[in-house]
C-alpha atoms as a PDB file:
ATOM      1  CA  MET A   1      12.585  -7.624   5.925  1.00  0.00           C
ATOM      2  CA  MET A   2      13.595  -6.376   9.361  1.00  0.00           C
ATOM      3  CA  ILE A   3      13.856  -2.759  10.430  1.00  0.00           C
ATOM      4  CA  GLY A   4      15.004  -1.710  13.878  1.00  0.00           C
ATOM      5  CA  CYS A   5      18.038  -1.458  16.091  1.00  0.00           C
ATOM      6  CA  ASP A   6      19.253  -4.832  14.803  1.00  0.00           C
ATOM      7  CA  GLY A   7      19.517  -3.479  11.246  1.00  0.00           C
ATOM      8  CA  MET A   8      17.901  -4.619   8.007  1.00  0.00           C
ATOM      9  CA  LYS A   9      17.613  -8.123   6.618  1.00  0.00           C
ATOM     10  CA  LEU A  10      16.234  -8.851   3.167  1.00  0.00           C
ATOM     11  CA  PHE A  11      14.405 -11.981   2.132  1.00  0.00           C
ATOM     12  CA  LYS A  12      15.068 -13.644  -1.209  1.00  0.00           C
ATOM     13  CA  LYS A  13      12.807 -12.625  -4.067  1.00  0.00           C
ATOM     14  CA  GLU A  14       9.534 -14.531  -4.339  1.00  0.00           C
ATOM     15  CA  ASN A  15       8.769 -15.280  -7.986  1.00  0.00           C
ATOM     16  CA  LYS A  16       5.185 -16.441  -7.680  1.00  0.00           C
ATOM     17  CA  ILE A  17       2.603 -13.678  -8.089  1.00  0.00           C
ATOM     18  CA  GLU A  18      -0.463 -14.260  -5.954  1.00  0.00           C
ATOM     19  CA  LYS A  19      -3.870 -14.352  -7.576  1.00  0.00           C
ATOM     20  CA  GLU A  20      -5.501 -11.757  -5.366  1.00  0.00           C
ATOM     21  CA  GLU A  21      -8.741  -9.952  -6.071  1.00  0.00           C
ATOM     22  CA  TYR A  22      -7.021  -6.829  -7.321  1.00  0.00           C
ATOM     23  CA  PHE A  23      -4.068  -5.986  -9.512  1.00  0.00           C
ATOM     24  CA  SER A  24      -1.694  -3.036  -9.500  1.00  0.00           C
ATOM     25  CA  PHE A  25      -0.094  -1.144 -12.378  1.00  0.00           C
ATOM     26  CA  CYS A  26       3.163   0.268 -10.966  1.00  0.00           C
ATOM     27  CA  VAL A  27       4.274   3.480 -12.715  1.00  0.00           C
ATOM     28  CA  GLU A  28       7.819   3.280 -14.147  1.00  0.00           C
ATOM     29  CA  GLY A  29       7.867   6.193 -16.588  1.00  0.00           C
ATOM     30  CA  ILE A  30       5.698   9.084 -17.820  1.00  0.00           C
ATOM     31  CA  TYR A  31       5.933  10.598 -21.304  1.00  0.00           C
ATOM     32  CA  GLN A  32       3.933  12.895 -23.554  1.00  0.00           C
ATOM     33  CA  HIS A  33       2.306  10.967 -26.393  1.00  0.00           C
ATOM     34  CA  LYS A  34       2.092  12.236 -29.972  1.00  0.00           C
ATOM     35  CA  ASN A  35      -1.720  12.254 -29.769  1.00  0.00           C
ATOM     36  CA  GLY A  36      -1.683  14.833 -26.972  1.00  0.00           C
ATOM     37  CA  GLU A  37      -2.194  12.237 -24.266  1.00  0.00           C
ATOM     38  CA  LEU A  38      -0.016  11.034 -21.405  1.00  0.00           C
ATOM     39  CA  PHE A  39       1.860   7.762 -22.049  1.00  0.00           C
ATOM     40  CA  VAL A  40       2.364   5.981 -18.708  1.00  0.00           C
ATOM     41  CA  LEU A  41       4.729   2.999 -18.730  1.00  0.00           C
ATOM     42  CA  GLY A  42       4.539   0.414 -15.958  1.00  0.00           C
ATOM     43  CA  THR A  43       4.568  -3.176 -14.753  1.00  0.00           C
ATOM     44  CA  ILE A  44       1.648  -5.278 -13.523  1.00  0.00           C
ATOM     45  CA  ASP A  45       1.449  -7.048 -10.168  1.00  0.00           C
ATOM     46  CA  GLY A  46      -1.349  -9.602 -10.293  1.00  0.00           C
ATOM     47  CA  ILE A  47      -3.718 -10.637 -13.088  1.00  0.00           C
ATOM     48  CA  VAL A  48      -4.169  -7.778 -15.545  1.00  0.00           C
ATOM     49  CA  GLN A  49      -7.684  -6.492 -16.189  1.00  0.00           C
ATOM     50  CA  LYS A  50      -7.874  -3.932 -18.980  1.00  0.00           C
ATOM     51  CA  LEU A  51     -10.552  -1.724 -17.451  1.00  0.00           C
ATOM     52  CA  ASP A  52     -11.801   1.663 -18.642  1.00  0.00           C
ATOM     53  CA  PHE A  53     -11.322   3.239 -15.194  1.00  0.00           C
ATOM     54  CA  LEU A  54      -8.673   2.669 -12.505  1.00  0.00           C
ATOM     55  CA  TYR A  55      -7.799   4.273  -9.182  1.00  0.00           C
ATOM     56  CA  LEU A  56      -4.573   6.271  -9.153  1.00  0.00           C
ATOM     57  CA  ILE A  57      -2.960   6.059  -5.698  1.00  0.00           C
ATOM     58  CA  GLY A  58       0.081   7.904  -4.385  1.00  0.00           C
ATOM     59  CA  PRO A  59       1.698   9.255  -1.205  1.00  0.00           C
ATOM     60  CA  TYR A  60      -0.010  11.315   1.509  1.00  0.00           C
ATOM     61  CA  GLY A  61      -3.484   9.964   0.824  1.00  0.00           C
ATOM     62  CA  TYR A  62      -3.624  10.860  -2.861  1.00  0.00           C
ATOM     63  CA  GLU A  63      -6.327   8.826  -4.588  1.00  0.00           C
ATOM     64  CA  GLU A  64      -8.341   9.586  -7.692  1.00  0.00           C
ATOM     65  CA  LYS A  65     -10.445   7.651 -10.179  1.00  0.00           C
ATOM     66  CA  VAL A  66      -8.932   8.016 -13.667  1.00  0.00           C
ATOM     67  CA  GLU A  67     -10.313   7.207 -17.111  1.00  0.00           C
ATOM     68  CA  ILE A  68      -8.033   4.979 -19.210  1.00  0.00           C
ATOM     69  CA  ASN A  69      -8.169   5.981 -22.874  1.00  0.00           C
ATOM     70  CA  GLU A  70      -6.181   2.995 -24.130  1.00  0.00           C
ATOM     71  CA  TRP A  71      -4.131  -0.003 -22.967  1.00  0.00           C
ATOM     72  CA  ILE A  72      -0.927  -0.859 -24.859  1.00  0.00           C
ATOM     73  CA  ASP A  73       0.980  -4.164 -24.607  1.00  0.00           C
ATOM     74  CA  VAL A  74       4.595  -2.971 -24.661  1.00  0.00           C
ATOM     75  CA  ASN A  75       6.541  -6.140 -23.812  1.00  0.00           C
ATOM     76  CA  LEU A  76       4.561  -8.981 -22.274  1.00  0.00           C
ATOM     77  CA  GLN A  77       7.677 -11.064 -21.580  1.00  0.00           C
ATOM     78  CA  GLU A  78       9.014  -8.210 -19.431  1.00  0.00           C
ATOM     79  CA  ASN A  79       5.515  -7.574 -17.981  1.00  0.00           C
ATOM     80  CA  LEU A  80       5.539  -4.049 -19.452  1.00  0.00           C
ATOM     81  CA  TYR A  81       2.308  -2.250 -20.320  1.00  0.00           C
ATOM     82  CA  ALA A  82       1.355   1.346 -21.034  1.00  0.00           C
ATOM     83  CA  LEU A  83      -1.712   3.444 -20.368  1.00  0.00           C
ATOM     84  CA  LEU A  84      -2.870   6.458 -22.353  1.00  0.00           C
ATOM     85  CA  ILE A  85      -4.560   8.972 -20.045  1.00  0.00           C
ATOM     86  CA  ASP A  86      -5.554  12.640 -19.979  1.00  0.00           C
ATOM     87  CA  ILE A  87      -2.553  14.974 -20.410  1.00  0.00           C
ATOM     88  CA  ASN A  88      -3.919  17.161 -17.586  1.00  0.00           C
ATOM     89  CA  LEU A  89      -2.845  14.486 -15.090  1.00  0.00           C
ATOM     90  CA  GLN A  90       0.864  15.042 -15.811  1.00  0.00           C
ATOM     91  CA  ASN A  91       1.255  17.268 -12.735  1.00  0.00           C
ATOM     92  CA  HIS A  92      -0.514  14.764 -10.480  1.00  0.00           C
ATOM     93  CA  ILE A  93       1.352  11.542 -11.233  1.00  0.00           C
ATOM     94  CA  ASP A  94       4.924  10.416 -10.660  1.00  0.00           C
ATOM     95  CA  ARG A  95       7.057   7.293 -10.406  1.00  0.00           C
ATOM     96  CA  GLY A  96       6.089   5.435  -7.271  1.00  0.00           C
ATOM     97  CA  TYR A  97       2.356   5.868  -7.899  1.00  0.00           C
ATOM     98  CA  ILE A  98       0.145   2.933  -8.825  1.00  0.00           C
ATOM     99  CA  PHE A  99      -3.092   2.327 -10.702  1.00  0.00           C
ATOM    100  CA  THR A 100      -5.343  -0.352  -9.222  1.00  0.00           C
ATOM    101  CA  ASN A 101      -8.798  -1.770  -9.879  1.00  0.00           C
ATOM    102  CA  LYS A 102      -9.894  -1.343  -6.253  1.00  0.00           C
ATOM    103  CA  ASN A 103      -9.654   1.753  -4.137  1.00  0.00           C
ATOM    104  CA  ASN A 104      -7.372   1.544  -1.137  1.00  0.00           C
ATOM    105  CA  HIS A 105      -7.949   0.242   2.367  1.00  0.00           C
ATOM    106  CA  LEU A 106     -11.286  -0.854   3.781  1.00  0.00           C
ATOM    107  CA  ALA A 107     -14.197  -2.598   2.177  1.00  0.00           C
ATOM    108  CA  SER A 108     -17.659  -1.666   3.409  1.00  0.00           C
ATOM    109  CA  SER A 109     -17.951  -4.744   5.636  1.00  0.00           C
ATOM    110  CA  ARG A 110     -15.021  -3.801   7.927  1.00  0.00           C
ATOM    111  CA  GLU A 111     -13.938  -7.439   7.525  1.00  0.00           C
ATOM    112  CA  GLU A 112     -12.087  -7.084   4.217  1.00  0.00           C
ATOM    113  CA  ILE A 113      -9.122  -4.893   3.396  1.00  0.00           C
ATOM    114  CA  TYR A 114      -7.284  -3.945   0.232  1.00  0.00           C
ATOM    115  CA  ASN A 115      -3.767  -2.518   0.484  1.00  0.00           C
ATOM    116  CA  PRO A 116      -2.445  -2.312  -3.091  1.00  0.00           C
ATOM    117  CA  TYR A 117      -0.297   0.783  -2.498  1.00  0.00           C
ATOM    118  CA  LEU A 118       1.117  -0.614   0.731  1.00  0.00           C
ATOM    119  CA  HIS A 119       2.003  -3.839  -1.115  1.00  0.00           C
ATOM    120  CA  PHE A 120       3.845  -1.778  -3.715  1.00  0.00           C
ATOM    121  CA  LEU A 121       5.831   0.066  -1.024  1.00  0.00           C
ATOM    122  CA  LEU A 122       6.720  -3.163   0.803  1.00  0.00           C
ATOM    123  CA  ASP A 123       7.923  -4.668  -2.485  1.00  0.00           C
ATOM    124  CA  GLN A 124      10.133  -1.646  -3.172  1.00  0.00           C
ATOM    125  CA  VAL A 125      11.687  -1.529   0.298  1.00  0.00           C
ATOM    126  CA  ASN A 126      12.386  -5.274   0.227  1.00  0.00           C
ATOM    127  CA  ARG A 127      14.191  -4.729  -3.082  1.00  0.00           C
ATOM    128  CA  GLN A 128      16.473  -2.236  -1.290  1.00  0.00           C
ATOM    129  CA  HIS A 129      14.831   0.856  -2.798  1.00  0.00           C
ATOM    130  CA  TYR A 130      15.159   2.697   0.489  1.00  0.00           C
ATOM    131  CA  ASP A 131      13.987   6.024  -0.965  1.00  0.00           C
ATOM    132  CA  TYR A 132      10.487   4.569  -0.445  1.00  0.00           C
ATOM    133  CA  LEU A 133      11.055   4.006   3.273  1.00  0.00           C
ATOM    134  CA  ASP A 134       9.773   7.410   4.417  1.00  0.00           C
ATOM    135  CA  ILE A 135       6.668   7.010   2.252  1.00  0.00           C
ATOM    136  CA  LEU A 136       6.116   3.551   3.733  1.00  0.00           C
ATOM    137  CA  PHE A 137       6.321   4.961   7.268  1.00  0.00           C
ATOM    138  CA  GLU A 138       3.892   7.741   6.349  1.00  0.00           C
ATOM    139  CA  GLN A 139       1.496   5.207   4.833  1.00  0.00           C
ATOM    140  CA  LEU A 140       1.635   3.084   7.975  1.00  0.00           C
ATOM    141  CA  ALA A 141       1.153   6.136  10.174  1.00  0.00           C
ATOM    142  CA  THR A 142      -1.860   7.628   8.429  1.00  0.00           C
ATOM    143  CA  ARG A 143      -3.487   5.368   5.866  1.00  0.00           C
ATOM    144  CA  SER A 144      -3.044   1.665   6.656  1.00  0.00           C
ATOM    145  CA  TYR A 145      -5.475  -0.893   8.036  1.00  0.00           C
ATOM    146  CA  PHE A 146      -4.635  -4.499   8.810  1.00  0.00           C
ATOM    147  CA  LEU A 147      -6.311  -7.789   9.579  1.00  0.00           C
ATOM    148  CA  SER A 148      -5.349  -9.890  12.598  1.00  0.00           C
ATOM    149  CA  VAL A 149      -6.620 -11.795  15.621  1.00  0.00           C
ATOM    150  CA  PHE A 150      -7.037  -9.052  18.203  1.00  0.00           C
ATOM    151  CA  ASP A 151      -7.067 -11.105  21.376  1.00  0.00           C
ATOM    152  CA  TYR A 152      -4.872 -10.212  24.366  1.00  0.00           C
ATOM    153  CA  HIS A 153      -5.123 -13.781  25.680  1.00  0.00           C
ATOM    154  CA  ASP A 154      -4.220 -15.534  22.415  1.00  0.00           C
ATOM    155  CA  LEU A 155      -2.086 -13.293  20.211  1.00  0.00           C
ATOM    156  CA  PRO A 156      -0.697 -14.604  16.896  1.00  0.00           C
ATOM    157  CA  ILE A 157       3.016 -14.533  17.779  1.00  0.00           C
ATOM    158  CA  TYR A 158       5.795 -14.989  15.219  1.00  0.00           C
ATOM    159  CA  GLN A 159       9.157 -15.763  16.788  1.00  0.00           C
ATOM    160  CA  ILE A 160      12.552 -14.875  15.275  1.00  0.00           C
ATOM    161  CA  LYS A 161      15.310 -16.331  17.468  1.00  0.00           C
ATOM    162  CA  ASP A 162      14.526 -15.012  20.957  1.00  0.00           C
ATOM    163  CA  LYS A 163      12.337 -12.116  19.717  1.00  0.00           C
ATOM    164  CA  LYS A 164       8.533 -12.250  19.670  1.00  0.00           C
ATOM    165  CA  TYR A 165       6.492 -10.246  17.175  1.00  0.00           C
ATOM    166  CA  TYR A 166       2.762  -9.675  16.828  1.00  0.00           C
ATOM    167  CA  SER A 167       1.592 -10.739  13.353  1.00  0.00           C
ATOM    168  CA  ILE A 168      -0.687  -8.488  11.282  1.00  0.00           C
ATOM    169  CA  TYR A 169      -1.752  -8.966   7.663  1.00  0.00           C
ATOM    170  CA  THR A 170      -2.502  -6.776   4.655  1.00  0.00           C
ATOM    171  CA  SER A 171      -5.187  -9.126   3.300  1.00  0.00           C
ATOM    172  CA  GLN A 172      -7.245 -12.201   4.100  1.00  0.00           C
ATOM    173  CA  ILE A 173      -4.979 -14.198   1.776  1.00  0.00           C
ATOM    174  CA  GLU A 174      -1.961 -13.342   3.923  1.00  0.00           C
ATOM    175  CA  MET A 175      -3.773 -14.151   7.166  1.00  0.00           C
ATOM    176  CA  ASN A 176      -4.890 -17.530   5.806  1.00  0.00           C
ATOM    177  CA  LYS A 177      -1.224 -18.537   5.399  1.00  0.00           C
ATOM    178  CA  ASP A 178      -0.675 -18.397   9.165  1.00  0.00           C
ATOM    179  CA  PRO A 179      -1.510 -21.709  10.868  1.00  0.00           C
ATOM    180  CA  LYS A 180      -1.951 -19.843  14.176  1.00  0.00           C
ATOM    181  CA  CYS A 181      -4.920 -17.998  12.683  1.00  0.00           C
ATOM    182  CA  LYS A 182      -6.680 -21.061  11.311  1.00  0.00           C
ATOM    183  CA  ASN A 183     -10.408 -21.122  12.149  1.00  0.00           C
ATOM    184  CA  LYS A 184     -10.108 -17.771  13.936  1.00  0.00           C
ATOM    185  CA  LYS A 185     -12.057 -14.645  13.106  1.00  0.00           C
ATOM    186  CA  GLY A 186      -9.939 -11.679  12.105  1.00  0.00           C
ATOM    187  CA  SER A 187     -10.604  -8.042  12.957  1.00  0.00           C
ATOM    188  CA  VAL A 188      -9.678  -4.921  10.992  1.00  0.00           C
ATOM    189  CA  TYR A 189      -7.904  -2.124  12.842  1.00  0.00           C
ATOM    190  CA  SER A 190      -5.540   0.684  11.935  1.00  0.00           C
ATOM    191  CA  PHE A 191      -1.786   0.404  12.350  1.00  0.00           C
ATOM    192  CA  ASP A 192      -2.191   2.927  15.180  1.00  0.00           C
ATOM    193  CA  ASP A 193      -4.461   0.517  17.081  1.00  0.00           C
ATOM    194  CA  TYR A 194      -2.081  -2.413  16.695  1.00  0.00           C
ATOM    195  CA  SER A 195       0.875  -0.200  17.635  1.00  0.00           C
ATOM    196  CA  ARG A 196      -0.683   0.868  20.929  1.00  0.00           C
ATOM    197  CA  MET A 197      -1.481  -2.721  21.807  1.00  0.00           C
ATOM    198  CA  CYS A 198       2.057  -3.870  20.957  1.00  0.00           C
ATOM    199  CA  LEU A 199       3.789  -1.085  22.890  1.00  0.00           C
ATOM    200  CA  ASN A 200       1.727  -1.957  25.978  1.00  0.00           C
ATOM    201  CA  GLN A 201       2.732  -5.635  25.880  1.00  0.00           C
ATOM    202  CA  GLU A 202       6.077  -6.257  27.584  1.00  0.00           C
ATOM    203  CA  LYS A 203       6.339  -9.774  26.146  1.00  0.00           C
ATOM    204  CA  LEU A 204       6.318  -8.406  22.567  1.00  0.00           C
ATOM    205  CA  ASP A 205       9.388  -7.023  20.773  1.00  0.00           C
ATOM    206  CA  GLY A 206       7.465  -5.482  17.886  1.00  0.00           C
ATOM    207  CA  ILE A 207       5.178  -6.138  14.925  1.00  0.00           C
ATOM    208  CA  ILE A 208       5.682  -8.259  11.821  1.00  0.00           C
ATOM    209  CA  ILE A 209       3.611  -7.567   8.701  1.00  0.00           C
ATOM    210  CA  ASN A 210       2.822 -10.555   6.440  1.00  0.00           C
ATOM    211  CA  PRO A 211       5.250 -13.056   8.043  1.00  0.00           C
ATOM    212  CA  TYR A 212       4.558 -15.662   5.337  1.00  0.00           C
ATOM    213  CA  HIS A 213       5.158 -13.471   2.264  1.00  0.00           C
ATOM    214  CA  GLN A 214       8.862 -12.921   1.637  1.00  0.00           C
ATOM    215  CA  GLU A 215       8.571  -9.864  -0.609  1.00  0.00           C
ATOM    216  CA  ARG A 216       5.856  -8.135   1.428  1.00  0.00           C
ATOM    217  CA  SER A 217       7.037  -8.879   4.939  1.00  0.00           C
ATOM    218  CA  ILE A 218       8.645  -6.396   7.269  1.00  0.00           C
ATOM    219  CA  VAL A 219       9.611  -6.521  10.937  1.00  0.00           C
ATOM    220  CA  LEU A 220       9.180  -3.356  12.985  1.00  0.00           C
ATOM    221  CA  ASN A 221      10.859  -3.230  16.385  1.00  0.00           C
ATOM    222  CA  LYS A 222       9.317  -1.091  19.124  1.00  0.00           C
ATOM    223  CA  ASP A 223      11.694   1.826  18.580  1.00  0.00           C
ATOM    224  CA  VAL A 224      10.646   1.983  14.919  1.00  0.00           C
ATOM    225  CA  ILE A 225       6.956   1.757  15.873  1.00  0.00           C
ATOM    226  CA  GLN A 226       7.446   4.747  18.168  1.00  0.00           C
ATOM    227  CA  HIS A 227       9.201   6.598  15.329  1.00  0.00           C
ATOM    228  CA  ILE A 228       6.230   5.915  13.025  1.00  0.00           C
ATOM    229  CA  GLY A 229       4.026   7.489  15.696  1.00  0.00           C
ATOM    230  CA  THR A 230       6.082  10.700  15.473  1.00  0.00           C
ATOM    231  CA  VAL A 231       5.811  10.563  11.661  1.00  0.00           C
ATOM    232  CA  LYS A 232       2.038  10.678  12.018  1.00  0.00           C
ATOM    233  CA  GLU A 233       2.202  13.815  14.168  1.00  0.00           C
ATOM    234  CA  LYS A 234       4.590  15.534  11.740  1.00  0.00           C
ATOM    235  CA  ASN A 235       2.568  14.647   8.654  1.00  0.00           C
ATOM    236  CA  ILE A 236      -0.911  15.314   9.962  1.00  0.00           C
ATOM    237  CA  LYS A 237      -0.874  18.890   8.591  1.00  0.00           C
ATOM    238  CA  ILE A 238       0.467  17.720   5.218  1.00  0.00           C
ATOM    239  CA  TYR A 239      -2.210  15.036   5.097  1.00  0.00           C
ATOM    240  CA  ALA A 240      -4.974  17.559   5.889  1.00  0.00           C
ATOM    241  CA  LYS A 241      -3.683  19.936   3.208  1.00  0.00           C
ATOM    242  CA  ALA A 242      -3.649  17.141   0.641  1.00  0.00           C
ATOM    243  CA  LYS A 243      -7.263  16.234   1.392  1.00  0.00           C
ATOM    244  CA  ASN A 244      -8.349  19.876   1.185  1.00  0.00           C
ATOM    245  CA  TYR A 245      -6.473  20.290  -2.099  1.00  0.00           C
ATOM    246  CA  LEU A 246      -8.278  17.316  -3.641  1.00  0.00           C
ATOM    247  CA  LYS A 247     -11.649  18.611  -2.445  1.00  0.00           C
ATOM    248  CA  ASP A 248     -10.917  22.097  -3.851  1.00  0.00           C
ATOM    249  CA  ARG A 249      -9.784  20.607  -7.155  1.00  0.00           C
ATOM    250  CA  LYS A 250     -12.945  18.533  -7.501  1.00  0.00           C
ATOM    251  CA  ARG A 251     -15.095  21.558  -6.646  1.00  0.00           C
ATOM    252  CA  LYS A 252     -13.216  23.613  -9.245  1.00  0.00           C
ATOM    253  CA  GLN A 253     -13.692  20.921 -11.894  1.00  0.00           C
ATOM    254  CA  LYS A 254     -17.419  20.749 -11.139  1.00  0.00           C
ATOM    255  CA  TYR A 255     -17.683  24.564 -11.344  1.00  0.00           C
ATOM    256  CA  GLU A 256     -15.930  24.625 -14.736  1.00  0.00           C
ATOM    257  CA  ILE A 257     -18.170  21.860 -16.080  1.00  0.00           C
ATOM    258  CA  ASP A 258     -21.279  23.665 -14.862  1.00  0.00           C
ATOM    259  CA  ASN A 259     -20.116  26.862 -16.567  1.00  0.00           C
ATOM    260  CA  GLU A 260     -19.571  25.064 -19.869  1.00  0.00           C
ATOM    261  CA  SER A 261     -22.979  23.392 -19.838  1.00  0.00           C
END
């Protein structure tokens, strides 16, 4: 998909689901269950693993480990499953959130990355669900790390007609698809880092994310990259408030548990 002054271009849907190290449960609907639990309906991206705990990930840095009371196979032909979770989470979950078996972003080695929520957003935008576009920009601005060959003398360039784009990848699997990156060591940096490098290179017209994955690829021209930079400045206060809220909530939960014991 391409975003910029030249407009938007969608790729055709890619049917094959990659066997990556994580899977995502994408929330489609939320209902109260007769047993006093929350019934969360969703679809699976990847190979399902019916675990007792998953990470719930949403916009503006929301991330929390959640206990899964029960898995329900709703319609396997339609890839529909349901989770039964604590009813108290009903005010903290919405459509557009995901559950995943790995927490977001960086692994401890700084050489591996996991971007399940970013993958979900890229899928939605490529399917013309443009209400997710602002969330995607916010995610890029504040929460996204990528893998690429960070070498000013030998950049991985992806050319579309007469335009040249710097290639960055959401996972090692995506980077391995690029023949230009074969036998090269990748480095993990934030979208901010790659943006600054791109904007300082006159020969580049922008950045392309996952050039070899049709449903999770997006082209960002330089004007859009600059816009994402302004999104970061606007959302920095919201992001800080969200983090403080989560910390306060966890402290409150700990206090209540201590009082009950």
